[in-house]
Amino acid sequence: MAIDERTRIELEAAVFRRLVAHLRARTDVQNIDLMNLAGFCRNCLSNWLKEAADEKGLAMSKDESREAVYGMPYEAWKEAHQREASPEQLHDLAHSHSGH
């Protein structure tokens, strides 16, 4: 498929927005679940967003990037949705994604 650069960027942006909306709706899926299955989580997405802003010279704090991904302040999301990780989840994380 041959598409121009602008269209490619618009498509990628649409996919990112849809992924973020999906993750906001799936509060039952914990970040540790995402890390264990896919090697990234909501925090990774927010970090990548901040890094992209930094590369463009745009001011974006870590809190702002997290709110852009979580749809609310991170502490509010954690209070409302984050559960304590099980020993099995922590074991899996330690053995599969030690960089996180």
PDB file of N, CA and C in Angstrom:
ATOM      1  N   MET A   1       0.842  -1.172   0.000  1.00  0.00           N
ATOM      2  CA  MET A   1       0.000   0.000   0.000  1.00  0.00           C
ATOM      3  C   MET A   1       0.889   1.239   0.000  1.00  0.00           C
ATOM      4  N   ALA A   2       0.682   2.078  -0.937  1.00  0.00           N
ATOM      5  CA  ALA A   2       1.450   3.313  -1.030  1.00  0.00           C
ATOM      6  C   ALA A   2       0.581   4.479  -0.569  1.00  0.00           C
ATOM      7  N   ILE A   3       1.006   5.117   0.515  1.00  0.00           N
ATOM      8  CA  ILE A   3       0.289   6.294   1.001  1.00  0.00           C
ATOM      9  C   ILE A   3       1.299   7.402   1.264  1.00  0.00           C
ATOM     10  N   ASP A   4       0.805   8.629   1.220  1.00  0.00           N
ATOM     11  CA  ASP A   4       1.706   9.749   1.464  1.00  0.00           C
ATOM     12  C   ASP A   4       2.010   9.871   2.954  1.00  0.00           C
ATOM     13  N   GLU A   5       3.058  10.598   3.269  1.00  0.00           N
ATOM     14  CA  GLU A   5       3.543  10.740   4.644  1.00  0.00           C
ATOM     15  C   GLU A   5       2.472  11.310   5.573  1.00  0.00           C
ATOM     16  N   ARG A   6       1.776  12.333   5.143  1.00  0.00           N
ATOM     17  CA  ARG A   6       0.750  12.951   5.992  1.00  0.00           C
ATOM     18  C   ARG A   6      -0.350  11.950   6.334  1.00  0.00           C
ATOM     19  N   THR A   7      -0.802  11.199   5.343  1.00  0.00           N
ATOM     20  CA  THR A   7      -1.846  10.203   5.586  1.00  0.00           C
ATOM     21  C   THR A   7      -1.347   9.131   6.536  1.00  0.00           C
ATOM     22  N   ARG A   8      -0.107   8.683   6.349  1.00  0.00           N
ATOM     23  CA  ARG A   8       0.468   7.676   7.255  1.00  0.00           C
ATOM     24  C   ARG A   8       0.467   8.192   8.686  1.00  0.00           C
ATOM     25  N   ILE A   9       0.894   9.426   8.894  1.00  0.00           N
ATOM     26  CA  ILE A   9       0.941  10.017  10.236  1.00  0.00           C
ATOM     27  C   ILE A   9      -0.471  10.125  10.817  1.00  0.00           C
ATOM     28  N   GLU A  10      -1.438  10.526  10.000  1.00  0.00           N
ATOM     29  CA  GLU A  10      -2.824  10.621  10.465  1.00  0.00           C
ATOM     30  C   GLU A  10      -3.372   9.261  10.867  1.00  0.00           C
ATOM     31  N   LEU A  11      -3.052   8.235  10.089  1.00  0.00           N
ATOM     32  CA  LEU A  11      -3.487   6.882  10.428  1.00  0.00           C
ATOM     33  C   LEU A  11      -2.842   6.415  11.731  1.00  0.00           C
ATOM     34  N   GLU A  12      -1.548   6.643  11.869  1.00  0.00           N
ATOM     35  CA  GLU A  12      -0.854   6.242  13.099  1.00  0.00           C
ATOM     36  C   GLU A  12      -1.414   6.978  14.307  1.00  0.00           C
ATOM     37  N   ALA A  13      -1.724   8.257  14.150  1.00  0.00           N
ATOM     38  CA  ALA A  13      -2.309   9.029  15.250  1.00  0.00           C
ATOM     39  C   ALA A  13      -3.684   8.474  15.620  1.00  0.00           C
ATOM     40  N   ALA A  14      -4.470   8.109  14.626  1.00  0.00           N
ATOM     41  CA  ALA A  14      -5.786   7.536  14.886  1.00  0.00           C
ATOM     42  C   ALA A  14      -5.668   6.215  15.634  1.00  0.00           C
ATOM     43  N   VAL A  15      -4.693   5.401  15.253  1.00  0.00           N
ATOM     44  CA  VAL A  15      -4.473   4.124  15.928  1.00  0.00           C
ATOM     45  C   VAL A  15      -4.050   4.358  17.378  1.00  0.00           C
ATOM     46  N   PHE A  16      -3.169   5.330  17.605  1.00  0.00           N
ATOM     47  CA  PHE A  16      -2.742   5.649  18.971  1.00  0.00           C
ATOM     48  C   PHE A  16      -3.950   6.087  19.810  1.00  0.00           C
ATOM     49  N   ARG A  17      -4.777   6.973  19.266  1.00  0.00           N
ATOM     50  CA  ARG A  17      -5.957   7.437  20.011  1.00  0.00           C
ATOM     51  C   ARG A  17      -6.888   6.272  20.325  1.00  0.00           C
ATOM     52  N   ARG A  18      -7.044   5.366  19.379  1.00  0.00           N
ATOM     53  CA  ARG A  18      -7.915   4.208  19.611  1.00  0.00           C
ATOM     54  C   ARG A  18      -7.323   3.277  20.671  1.00  0.00           C
ATOM     55  N   LEU A  19      -6.016   3.060  20.637  1.00  0.00           N
ATOM     56  CA  LEU A  19      -5.357   2.238  21.655  1.00  0.00           C
ATOM     57  C   LEU A  19      -5.536   2.853  23.034  1.00  0.00           C
ATOM     58  N   VAL A  20      -5.319   4.154  23.141  1.00  0.00           N
ATOM     59  CA  VAL A  20      -5.466   4.837  24.427  1.00  0.00           C
ATOM     60  C   VAL A  20      -6.915   4.737  24.912  1.00  0.00           C
ATOM     61  N   ALA A  21      -7.878   4.944  24.030  1.00  0.00           N
ATOM     62  CA  ALA A  21      -9.287   4.829  24.411  1.00  0.00           C
ATOM     63  C   ALA A  21      -9.611   3.402  24.873  1.00  0.00           C
ATOM     64  N   HIS A  22      -9.054   2.426  24.193  1.00  0.00           N
ATOM     65  CA  HIS A  22      -9.276   1.024  24.569  1.00  0.00           C
ATOM     66  C   HIS A  22      -8.707   0.748  25.964  1.00  0.00           C
ATOM     67  N   LEU A  23      -7.501   1.223  26.216  1.00  0.00           N
ATOM     68  CA  LEU A  23      -6.882   1.001  27.526  1.00  0.00           C
ATOM     69  C   LEU A  23      -7.620   1.752  28.635  1.00  0.00           C
ATOM     70  N   ARG A  24      -8.145   2.920  28.324  1.00  0.00           N
ATOM     71  CA  ARG A  24      -8.935   3.651  29.318  1.00  0.00           C
ATOM     72  C   ARG A  24     -10.198   2.871  29.670  1.00  0.00           C
ATOM     73  N   ALA A  25     -10.802   2.231  28.684  1.00  0.00           N
ATOM     74  CA  ALA A  25     -12.025   1.464  28.914  1.00  0.00           C
ATOM     75  C   ALA A  25     -11.752   0.153  29.636  1.00  0.00           C
ATOM     76  N   ARG A  26     -10.563  -0.400  29.451  1.00  0.00           N
ATOM     77  CA  ARG A  26     -10.225  -1.701  30.034  1.00  0.00           C
ATOM     78  C   ARG A  26      -9.441  -1.529  31.328  1.00  0.00           C
ATOM     79  N   THR A  27     -10.065  -0.880  32.308  1.00  0.00           N
ATOM     80  CA  THR A  27      -9.400  -0.665  33.587  1.00  0.00           C
ATOM     81  C   THR A  27      -9.187  -1.977  34.342  1.00  0.00           C
ATOM     82  N   ASP A  28      -9.870  -3.042  33.913  1.00  0.00           N
ATOM     83  CA  ASP A  28      -9.663  -4.351  34.537  1.00  0.00           C
ATOM     84  C   ASP A  28      -8.308  -4.937  34.170  1.00  0.00           C
ATOM     85  N   VAL A  29      -7.730  -4.478  33.078  1.00  0.00           N
ATOM     86  CA  VAL A  29      -6.419  -4.968  32.657  1.00  0.00           C
ATOM     87  C   VAL A  29      -5.358  -4.121  33.360  1.00  0.00           C
ATOM     88  N   GLN A  30      -4.601  -4.764  34.205  1.00  0.00           N
ATOM     89  CA  GLN A  30      -3.587  -4.075  34.989  1.00  0.00           C
ATOM     90  C   GLN A  30      -2.318  -3.860  34.157  1.00  0.00           C
ATOM     91  N   ASN A  31      -1.544  -2.854  34.536  1.00  0.00           N
ATOM     92  CA  ASN A  31      -0.286  -2.594  33.840  1.00  0.00           C
ATOM     93  C   ASN A  31       0.648  -3.796  33.890  1.00  0.00           C
ATOM     94  N   ILE A  32       0.674  -4.487  35.007  1.00  0.00           N
ATOM     95  CA  ILE A  32       1.555  -5.651  35.111  1.00  0.00           C
ATOM     96  C   ILE A  32       1.110  -6.750  34.141  1.00  0.00           C
ATOM     97  N   ASP A  33      -0.199  -6.858  33.908  1.00  0.00           N
ATOM     98  CA  ASP A  33      -0.702  -7.817  32.909  1.00  0.00           C
ATOM     99  C   ASP A  33      -0.175  -7.450  31.528  1.00  0.00           C
ATOM    100  N   LEU A  34      -0.261  -6.163  31.193  1.00  0.00           N
ATOM    101  CA  LEU A  34       0.249  -5.700  29.897  1.00  0.00           C
ATOM    102  C   LEU A  34       1.746  -5.966  29.782  1.00  0.00           C
ATOM    103  N   MET A  35       2.487  -5.677  30.837  1.00  0.00           N
ATOM    104  CA  MET A  35       3.937  -5.890  30.807  1.00  0.00           C
ATOM    105  C   MET A  35       4.257  -7.372  30.607  1.00  0.00           C
ATOM    106  N   ASN A  36       3.572  -8.219  31.320  1.00  0.00           N
ATOM    107  CA  ASN A  36       3.855  -9.652  31.226  1.00  0.00           C
ATOM    108  C   ASN A  36       3.477 -10.232  29.870  1.00  0.00           C
ATOM    109  N   LEU A  37       2.442  -9.697  29.260  1.00  0.00           N
ATOM    110  CA  LEU A  37       1.999 -10.227  27.975  1.00  0.00           C
ATOM    111  C   LEU A  37       2.631  -9.539  26.775  1.00  0.00           C
ATOM    112  N   ALA A  38       2.821  -8.211  26.873  1.00  0.00           N
ATOM    113  CA  ALA A  38       3.239  -7.451  25.691  1.00  0.00           C
ATOM    114  C   ALA A  38       4.560  -6.712  25.853  1.00  0.00           C
ATOM    115  N   GLY A  39       5.053  -6.629  27.075  1.00  0.00           N
ATOM    116  CA  GLY A  39       6.329  -5.943  27.287  1.00  0.00           C
ATOM    117  C   GLY A  39       6.214  -4.424  27.337  1.00  0.00           C
ATOM    118  N   PHE A  40       5.008  -3.892  27.418  1.00  0.00           N
ATOM    119  CA  PHE A  40       4.795  -2.457  27.604  1.00  0.00           C
ATOM    120  C   PHE A  40       3.476  -2.265  28.344  1.00  0.00           C
ATOM    121  N   CYS A  41       3.295  -1.049  28.886  1.00  0.00           N
ATOM    122  CA  CYS A  41       2.072  -0.759  29.622  1.00  0.00           C
ATOM    123  C   CYS A  41       1.669   0.697  29.396  1.00  0.00           C
ATOM    124  N   ARG A  42       0.666   1.135  30.123  1.00  0.00           N
ATOM    125  CA  ARG A  42       0.202   2.515  30.006  1.00  0.00           C
ATOM    126  C   ARG A  42       1.323   3.498  30.341  1.00  0.00           C
ATOM    127  N   ASN A  43       2.113   3.174  31.357  1.00  0.00           N
ATOM    128  CA  ASN A  43       3.220   4.059  31.723  1.00  0.00           C
ATOM    129  C   ASN A  43       4.237   4.162  30.590  1.00  0.00           C
ATOM    130  N   CYS A  44       4.492   3.055  29.920  1.00  0.00           N
ATOM    131  CA  CYS A  44       5.401   3.090  28.765  1.00  0.00           C
ATOM    132  C   CYS A  44       4.859   4.032  27.701  1.00  0.00           C
ATOM    133  N   LEU A  45       3.571   3.916  27.392  1.00  0.00           N
ATOM    134  CA  LEU A  45       2.968   4.807  26.401  1.00  0.00           C
ATOM    135  C   LEU A  45       3.116   6.265  26.810  1.00  0.00           C
ATOM    136  N   SER A  46       2.877   6.546  28.082  1.00  0.00           N
ATOM    137  CA  SER A  46       3.001   7.938  28.535  1.00  0.00           C
ATOM    138  C   SER A  46       4.455   8.401  28.466  1.00  0.00           C
ATOM    139  N   ASN A  47       5.386   7.523  28.768  1.00  0.00           N
ATOM    140  CA  ASN A  47       6.807   7.881  28.648  1.00  0.00           C
ATOM    141  C   ASN A  47       7.186   8.138  27.195  1.00  0.00           C
ATOM    142  N   TRP A  48       6.685   7.319  26.293  1.00  0.00           N
ATOM    143  CA  TRP A  48       6.982   7.507  24.866  1.00  0.00           C
ATOM    144  C   TRP A  48       6.381   8.811  24.357  1.00  0.00           C
ATOM    145  N   LEU A  49       5.194   9.155  24.859  1.00  0.00           N
ATOM    146  CA  LEU A  49       4.566  10.413  24.477  1.00  0.00           C
ATOM    147  C   LEU A  49       5.409  11.591  24.952  1.00  0.00           C
ATOM    148  N   LYS A  50       5.872  11.527  26.195  1.00  0.00           N
ATOM    149  CA  LYS A  50       6.720  12.593  26.723  1.00  0.00           C
ATOM    150  C   LYS A  50       8.032  12.684  25.951  1.00  0.00           C
ATOM    151  N   GLU A  51       8.636  11.554  25.645  1.00  0.00           N
ATOM    152  CA  GLU A  51       9.884  11.553  24.868  1.00  0.00           C
ATOM    153  C   GLU A  51       9.672  12.179  23.490  1.00  0.00           C
ATOM    154  N   ALA A  52       8.543  11.886  22.857  1.00  0.00           N
ATOM    155  CA  ALA A  52       8.241  12.477  21.548  1.00  0.00           C
ATOM    156  C   ALA A  52       8.080  13.994  21.679  1.00  0.00           C
ATOM    157  N   ALA A  53       7.417  14.434  22.734  1.00  0.00           N
ATOM    158  CA  ALA A  53       7.265  15.876  22.968  1.00  0.00           C
ATOM    159  C   ALA A  53       8.627  16.512  23.213  1.00  0.00           C
ATOM    160  N   ASP A  54       9.456  15.856  24.016  1.00  0.00           N
ATOM    161  CA  ASP A  54      10.807  16.366  24.298  1.00  0.00           C
ATOM    162  C   ASP A  54      11.611  16.512  23.003  1.00  0.00           C
ATOM    163  N   GLU A  55      11.511  15.515  22.129  1.00  0.00           N
ATOM    164  CA  GLU A  55      12.247  15.553  20.861  1.00  0.00           C
ATOM    165  C   GLU A  55      11.812  16.731  19.990  1.00  0.00           C
ATOM    166  N   LYS A  56      10.555  17.152  20.139  1.00  0.00           N
ATOM    167  CA  LYS A  56      10.033  18.292  19.377  1.00  0.00           C
ATOM    168  C   LYS A  56      10.242  19.617  20.114  1.00  0.00           C
ATOM    169  N   GLY A  57      10.853  19.550  21.293  1.00  0.00           N
ATOM    170  CA  GLY A  57      11.072  20.757  22.076  1.00  0.00           C
ATOM    171  C   GLY A  57       9.811  21.288  22.730  1.00  0.00           C
ATOM    172  N   LEU A  58       8.835  20.413  22.931  1.00  0.00           N
ATOM    173  CA  LEU A  58       7.570  20.807  23.551  1.00  0.00           C
ATOM    174  C   LEU A  58       7.606  20.504  25.044  1.00  0.00           C
ATOM    175  N   ALA A  59       7.101  21.418  25.827  1.00  0.00           N
ATOM    176  CA  ALA A  59       7.076  21.222  27.278  1.00  0.00           C
ATOM    177  C   ALA A  59       5.925  20.290  27.640  1.00  0.00           C
ATOM    178  N   MET A  60       6.261  19.137  28.203  1.00  0.00           N
ATOM    179  CA  MET A  60       5.261  18.197  28.691  1.00  0.00           C
ATOM    180  C   MET A  60       5.847  17.510  29.905  1.00  0.00           C
ATOM    181  N   SER A  61       5.158  17.603  31.009  1.00  0.00           N
ATOM    182  CA  SER A  61       5.633  16.951  32.226  1.00  0.00           C
ATOM    183  C   SER A  61       5.236  15.478  32.208  1.00  0.00           C
ATOM    184  N   LYS A  62       5.854  14.720  33.087  1.00  0.00           N
ATOM    185  CA  LYS A  62       5.502  13.305  33.233  1.00  0.00           C
ATOM    186  C   LYS A  62       4.036  13.173  33.648  1.00  0.00           C
ATOM    187  N   ASP A  63       3.595  14.057  34.552  1.00  0.00           N
ATOM    188  CA  ASP A  63       2.192  14.019  34.981  1.00  0.00           C
ATOM    189  C   ASP A  63       1.250  14.312  33.815  1.00  0.00           C
ATOM    190  N   GLU A  64       1.599  15.263  32.964  1.00  0.00           N
ATOM    191  CA  GLU A  64       0.768  15.594  31.807  1.00  0.00           C
ATOM    192  C   GLU A  64       0.702  14.445  30.814  1.00  0.00           C
ATOM    193  N   SER A  65       1.828  13.792  30.580  1.00  0.00           N
ATOM    194  CA  SER A  65       1.809  12.679  29.632  1.00  0.00           C
ATOM    195  C   SER A  65       1.015  11.500  30.195  1.00  0.00           C
ATOM    196  N   ARG A  66       1.129  11.276  31.487  1.00  0.00           N
ATOM    197  CA  ARG A  66       0.343  10.192  32.086  1.00  0.00           C
ATOM    198  C   ARG A  66      -1.150  10.502  32.036  1.00  0.00           C
ATOM    199  N   GLU A  67      -1.518  11.754  32.294  1.00  0.00           N
ATOM    200  CA  GLU A  67      -2.935  12.105  32.228  1.00  0.00           C
ATOM    201  C   GLU A  67      -3.471  11.966  30.805  1.00  0.00           C
ATOM    202  N   ALA A  68      -2.637  12.254  29.813  1.00  0.00           N
ATOM    203  CA  ALA A  68      -3.049  12.100  28.417  1.00  0.00           C
ATOM    204  C   ALA A  68      -3.349  10.644  28.092  1.00  0.00           C
ATOM    205  N   VAL A  69      -2.623   9.718  28.697  1.00  0.00           N
ATOM    206  CA  VAL A  69      -2.842   8.290  28.448  1.00  0.00           C
ATOM    207  C   VAL A  69      -3.944   7.732  29.346  1.00  0.00           C
ATOM    208  N   TYR A  70      -3.898   8.052  30.630  1.00  0.00           N
ATOM    209  CA  TYR A  70      -4.861   7.492  31.582  1.00  0.00           C
ATOM    210  C   TYR A  70      -6.227   8.164  31.523  1.00  0.00           C
ATOM    211  N   GLY A  71      -6.286   9.401  31.002  1.00  0.00           N
ATOM    212  CA  GLY A  71      -7.546  10.124  30.960  1.00  0.00           C
ATOM    213  C   GLY A  71      -7.913  10.775  32.275  1.00  0.00           C
ATOM    214  N   MET A  72      -7.013  10.755  33.211  1.00  0.00           N
ATOM    215  CA  MET A  72      -7.193  11.349  34.542  1.00  0.00           C
ATOM    216  C   MET A  72      -5.816  11.401  35.192  1.00  0.00           C
ATOM    217  N   PRO A  73      -5.668  12.135  36.279  1.00  0.00           N
ATOM    218  CA  PRO A  73      -4.372  12.101  36.976  1.00  0.00           C
ATOM    219  C   PRO A  73      -4.010  10.658  37.357  1.00  0.00           C
ATOM    220  N   TYR A  74      -2.737  10.352  37.234  1.00  0.00           N
ATOM    221  CA  TYR A  74      -2.258   8.986  37.476  1.00  0.00           C
ATOM    222  C   TYR A  74      -2.631   8.494  38.873  1.00  0.00           C
ATOM    223  N   GLU A  75      -2.466   9.344  39.873  1.00  0.00           N
ATOM    224  CA  GLU A  75      -2.786   8.923  41.246  1.00  0.00           C
ATOM    225  C   GLU A  75      -4.266   8.581  41.385  1.00  0.00           C
ATOM    226  N   ALA A  76      -5.131   9.312  40.698  1.00  0.00           N
ATOM    227  CA  ALA A  76      -6.565   9.009  40.733  1.00  0.00           C
ATOM    228  C   ALA A  76      -6.843   7.659  40.068  1.00  0.00           C
ATOM    229  N   TRP A  77      -6.163   7.391  38.946  1.00  0.00           N
ATOM    230  CA  TRP A  77      -6.351   6.103  38.273  1.00  0.00           C
ATOM    231  C   TRP A  77      -5.898   4.972  39.187  1.00  0.00           C
ATOM    232  N   LYS A  78      -4.727   5.129  39.797  1.00  0.00           N
ATOM    233  CA  LYS A  78      -4.224   4.081  40.682  1.00  0.00           C
ATOM    234  C   LYS A  78      -5.196   3.827  41.827  1.00  0.00           C
ATOM    235  N   GLU A  79      -5.696   4.890  42.418  1.00  0.00           N
ATOM    236  CA  GLU A  79      -6.638   4.753  43.536  1.00  0.00           C
ATOM    237  C   GLU A  79      -7.914   4.017  43.108  1.00  0.00           C
ATOM    238  N   ALA A  80      -8.397   4.339  41.920  1.00  0.00           N
ATOM    239  CA  ALA A  80      -9.658   3.763  41.454  1.00  0.00           C
ATOM    240  C   ALA A  80      -9.515   2.361  40.867  1.00  0.00           C
ATOM    241  N   HIS A  81      -8.375   2.063  40.242  1.00  0.00           N
ATOM    242  CA  HIS A  81      -8.310   0.853  39.420  1.00  0.00           C
ATOM    243  C   HIS A  81      -7.146  -0.098  39.698  1.00  0.00           C
ATOM    244  N   GLN A  82      -6.072   0.363  40.275  1.00  0.00           N
ATOM    245  CA  GLN A  82      -4.897  -0.509  40.411  1.00  0.00           C
ATOM    246  C   GLN A  82      -5.062  -1.463  41.589  1.00  0.00           C
ATOM    247  N   ARG A  83      -4.787  -2.719  41.297  1.00  0.00           N
ATOM    248  CA  ARG A  83      -4.816  -3.751  42.335  1.00  0.00           C
ATOM    249  C   ARG A  83      -3.378  -4.145  42.685  1.00  0.00           C
ATOM    250  N   GLU A  84      -3.233  -4.743  43.821  1.00  0.00           N
ATOM    251  CA  GLU A  84      -1.931  -5.263  44.228  1.00  0.00           C
ATOM    252  C   GLU A  84      -1.555  -6.428  43.312  1.00  0.00           C
ATOM    253  N   ALA A  85      -0.318  -6.436  42.844  1.00  0.00           N
ATOM    254  CA  ALA A  85       0.148  -7.521  41.976  1.00  0.00           C
ATOM    255  C   ALA A  85       0.266  -8.815  42.777  1.00  0.00           C
ATOM    256  N   SER A  86      -0.104  -9.895  42.138  1.00  0.00           N
ATOM    257  CA  SER A  86       0.008 -11.205  42.786  1.00  0.00           C
ATOM    258  C   SER A  86       1.466 -11.658  42.755  1.00  0.00           C
ATOM    259  N   PRO A  87       1.830 -12.586  43.626  1.00  0.00           N
ATOM    260  CA  PRO A  87       3.183 -13.133  43.572  1.00  0.00           C
ATOM    261  C   PRO A  87       3.520 -13.728  42.200  1.00  0.00           C
ATOM    262  N   GLU A  88       2.545 -14.362  41.572  1.00  0.00           N
ATOM    263  CA  GLU A  88       2.769 -14.947  40.244  1.00  0.00           C
ATOM    264  C   GLU A  88       3.053 -13.860  39.209  1.00  0.00           C
ATOM    265  N   GLN A  89       2.298 -12.769  39.250  1.00  0.00           N
ATOM    266  CA  GLN A  89       2.521 -11.665  38.312  1.00  0.00           C
ATOM    267  C   GLN A  89       3.916 -11.071  38.503  1.00  0.00           C
ATOM    268  N   LEU A  90       4.301 -10.871  39.755  1.00  0.00           N
ATOM    269  CA  LEU A  90       5.626 -10.312  40.039  1.00  0.00           C
ATOM    270  C   LEU A  90       6.731 -11.260  39.588  1.00  0.00           C
ATOM    271  N   HIS A  91       6.524 -12.553  39.791  1.00  0.00           N
ATOM    272  CA  HIS A  91       7.494 -13.552  39.338  1.00  0.00           C
ATOM    273  C   HIS A  91       7.650 -13.499  37.824  1.00  0.00           C
ATOM    274  N   ASP A  92       6.509 -13.485  37.123  1.00  0.00           N
ATOM    275  CA  ASP A  92       6.547 -13.430  35.663  1.00  0.00           C
ATOM    276  C   ASP A  92       7.251 -12.169  35.173  1.00  0.00           C
ATOM    277  N   LEU A  93       6.976 -11.044  35.814  1.00  0.00           N
ATOM    278  CA  LEU A  93       7.601  -9.789  35.422  1.00  0.00           C
ATOM    279  C   LEU A  93       9.110  -9.846  35.629  1.00  0.00           C
ATOM    280  N   ALA A  94       9.520 -10.383  36.748  1.00  0.00           N
ATOM    281  CA  ALA A  94      10.950 -10.462  37.064  1.00  0.00           C
ATOM    282  C   ALA A  94      11.700 -11.356  36.090  1.00  0.00           C
ATOM    283  N   HIS A  95      11.027 -12.352  35.548  1.00  0.00           N
ATOM    284  CA  HIS A  95      11.699 -13.296  34.665  1.00  0.00           C
ATOM    285  C   HIS A  95      11.538 -13.005  33.181  1.00  0.00           C
ATOM    286  N   SER A  96      10.673 -12.076  32.838  1.00  0.00           N
ATOM    287  CA  SER A  96      10.477 -11.826  31.417  1.00  0.00           C
ATOM    288  C   SER A  96      10.815 -10.411  30.982  1.00  0.00           C
ATOM    289  N   HIS A  97      10.709  -9.450  31.861  1.00  0.00           N
ATOM    290  CA  HIS A  97      10.912  -8.046  31.492  1.00  0.00           C
ATOM    291  C   HIS A  97      11.664  -7.332  32.609  1.00  0.00           C
ATOM    292  N   SER A  98      12.873  -7.744  32.849  1.00  0.00           N
ATOM    293  CA  SER A  98      13.628  -7.213  33.978  1.00  0.00           C
ATOM    294  C   SER A  98      13.964  -5.736  33.854  1.00  0.00           C
ATOM    295  N   GLY A  99      13.800  -5.136  32.666  1.00  0.00           N
ATOM    296  CA  GLY A  99      14.113  -3.729  32.487  1.00  0.00           C
ATOM    297  C   GLY A  99      13.023  -2.804  32.974  1.00  0.00           C
ATOM    298  N   HIS A 100      11.899  -3.342  33.466  1.00  0.00           N
ATOM    299  CA  HIS A 100      10.783  -2.487  33.891  1.00  0.00           C
ATOM    300  C   HIS A 100      10.482  -2.658  35.343  1.00  0.00           C
TER     301      HIS A 100
END
